[in-house]
Protein backbone atom coordinates (compact mmCIF):
# COMPACT_ATOMS: atom_id res chain seq x y z
CA MET A 1 138.02 115.74 119.87
CA LYS A 2 140.39 113.76 117.67
CA ILE A 3 139.28 110.42 119.19
CA LYS A 4 135.62 111.33 118.68
CA LEU A 5 136.29 112.10 115.01
CA ILE A 6 138.17 108.82 114.55
CA ASN A 7 135.27 106.89 116.12
CA GLN A 8 132.78 108.65 113.83
CA ILE A 9 134.87 107.73 110.80
CA LYS A 10 135.04 104.10 111.97
CA GLU A 11 131.25 104.05 112.39
CA LEU A 12 130.82 105.50 108.91
CA PHE A 13 133.05 102.83 107.33
CA THR A 14 131.23 100.10 109.26
CA SER A 15 127.91 101.45 108.00
CA ILE A 16 129.18 101.57 104.42
CA ARG A 17 130.44 97.96 104.66
CA GLU A 18 127.07 96.79 106.04
CA HIS A 19 125.22 98.70 103.34
CA LEU A 20 127.32 97.24 100.51
CA ALA A 21 127.09 93.70 101.93
CA PHE A 22 123.30 93.93 102.20
CA GLN A 23 123.04 95.45 98.71
CA LYS A 24 124.91 92.42 97.35
CA ILE A 25 122.51 90.07 99.16
CA ILE A 26 119.54 91.94 97.71
CA ARG A 27 120.93 91.71 94.15
CA VAL A 28 121.49 87.98 94.54
CA MET A 29 117.99 87.45 95.98
CA LEU A 30 116.32 89.41 93.17
CA GLN A 31 118.32 87.53 90.52
CA ASP A 32 117.36 84.23 92.16
CA LEU A 33 113.68 85.16 92.15
CA GLN A 34 113.79 86.28 88.52
CA MET A 35 115.59 83.09 87.46
CA ASN A 36 112.82 81.09 89.11
CA ASP A 37 110.29 83.05 87.03
CA LEU A 38 108.71 84.57 90.09
CA SER A 39 106.97 87.85 89.37
CA TYR A 40 105.07 90.01 91.81
CA GLU A 41 101.77 88.84 90.29
CA LYS A 42 102.59 85.27 91.32
CA ALA A 43 104.37 85.95 94.63
CA SER A 44 102.92 84.63 97.87
CA TRP A 45 103.51 85.89 101.40
CA ASN A 46 105.67 82.81 101.93
CA ASP A 47 107.84 83.73 98.91
CA LEU A 48 108.50 87.15 100.41
CA SER A 49 109.24 85.68 103.84
CA ASN A 50 111.68 83.15 102.36
CA ALA A 51 113.42 85.85 100.35
CA LEU A 52 113.85 88.01 103.45
CA GLU A 53 115.18 85.07 105.48
CA LYS A 54 117.96 84.59 102.91
CA ALA A 55 119.36 87.95 104.01
CA GLY A 56 120.11 86.39 107.38
CA PHE A 57 119.25 87.57 110.84
CA GLU A 58 121.45 88.45 113.78
CA GLU A 59 120.70 87.34 117.33
CA ASP A 60 117.27 88.56 118.46
CA GLU A 61 116.32 89.66 114.94
CA TYR A 62 113.33 87.92 113.41
CA ILE A 63 110.58 87.83 110.83
CA ALA A 64 107.05 86.97 111.89
CA PHE A 65 103.64 86.60 110.30
CA SER A 66 100.73 88.29 112.02
CA ASN A 67 98.05 85.96 113.34
CA LYS A 68 95.68 87.15 110.64
CA TYR A 69 98.11 86.06 107.90
CA GLU A 70 99.39 82.86 109.51
CA ASP A 71 96.97 80.77 107.47
CA CYS A 72 97.51 82.91 104.35
CA ARG A 73 101.17 82.09 103.75
CA GLU A 74 100.47 80.50 100.37
CA LYS A 75 98.03 83.18 99.23
CA LEU A 76 99.18 85.66 96.61
CA ILE A 77 100.24 89.05 97.89
CA TRP A 78 98.48 90.73 94.98
CA ASP A 79 95.06 89.16 94.55
CA GLN A 80 91.65 90.45 93.44
CA GLU A 81 90.91 91.75 96.95
CA THR A 82 94.09 93.84 97.16
CA ARG A 83 93.92 97.59 96.85
CA TRP A 84 97.43 98.54 98.05
CA VAL A 85 100.49 96.72 99.35
CA TYR A 86 102.99 98.54 101.56
CA ALA A 87 106.40 98.10 103.17
CA TYR A 88 107.88 100.68 105.52
CA TRP A 89 110.20 100.77 108.51
CA VAL A 90 109.94 102.45 111.90
CA ASN A 91 112.04 102.93 115.03
CA GLY A 92 111.04 100.47 117.71
CA SER A 93 109.50 102.04 120.80
CA SER A 94 112.02 100.37 123.10
CA GLU A 95 114.64 98.72 120.88
CA GLY A 96 115.64 98.04 117.30
CA TYR A 97 113.92 98.85 114.03
CA TYR A 98 110.92 97.17 112.44
CA VAL A 99 109.71 96.65 108.87
CA HIS A 100 105.94 96.39 108.46
CA ILE A 101 104.66 94.72 105.29
CA GLY A 102 100.98 94.32 104.58
CA LYS A 103 98.06 95.32 102.43
CA THR A 104 94.79 97.19 102.29
CA LEU A 105 91.85 95.32 100.85
CA ALA A 106 89.79 96.89 98.09
CA ASP A 107 86.60 96.97 100.17
CA GLU A 108 88.25 98.21 103.38
CA LEU A 109 90.06 101.35 104.42
CA THR A 110 92.06 99.65 107.16
CA THR A 111 95.52 98.20 106.67
CA ASN A 112 96.60 94.77 107.81
CA ASP A 113 100.24 93.98 108.53
CA GLY A 114 101.12 90.58 107.13
CA ILE A 115 104.79 90.40 108.06
CA THR A 116 106.85 92.21 110.66
CA ALA A 117 110.65 91.93 110.73
CA LYS A 118 112.93 93.23 113.48
CA PHE A 119 116.50 94.41 112.94
CA TRP A 120 119.15 95.99 115.15
CA SER A 121 120.84 97.97 112.39
CA LYS A 122 119.23 101.00 110.76
CA ILE A 123 120.97 100.16 107.49
CA ARG A 124 119.63 96.60 107.49
CA VAL A 125 116.07 97.73 108.21
CA GLU A 126 116.27 100.33 105.42
CA GLN A 127 117.57 97.76 102.96
CA CYS A 128 114.98 95.19 104.02
CA SER A 129 112.26 97.78 103.47
CA ILE A 130 113.65 98.68 100.03
CA PHE A 131 113.95 95.02 99.05
CA SER A 132 110.39 94.34 100.21
CA GLN A 133 109.11 97.25 98.15
CA GLN A 134 110.98 95.99 95.09
CA PHE A 135 109.72 92.48 95.65
CA ILE A 136 106.12 93.57 96.15
CA ASN A 137 105.91 95.97 93.26
CA ALA A 138 108.24 95.14 90.45
CA LEU A 139 110.62 92.21 90.81
């Protein structure tokens, strides 16, 4: 019982350290974007991808554009065709956690993922999702 409690406390401190480290990365990334006068109205899918890559990825973690968006990297995230932009995370069906980032067009009711990112840590996927939401909506 005592060993189990000690292990839980160790896991908690590890999670807190990861959370604080990722929060610092997010603050730096947002400051960098604001210093470069990048606002969400002018942000492209490539800008978001580059910002996420600055957070770093562990082995077997990745960020990928969907085939539909591969040729749209330089297009603005928010353009005249955009109705909504979203970023959310899910548990992977077999491993890890995934952030889905995409948009719904004004004349369609279907959503289209633009970027998918895979993480091993629940804290990292949560923070990536939060950062993506901040980036998309309000820099």
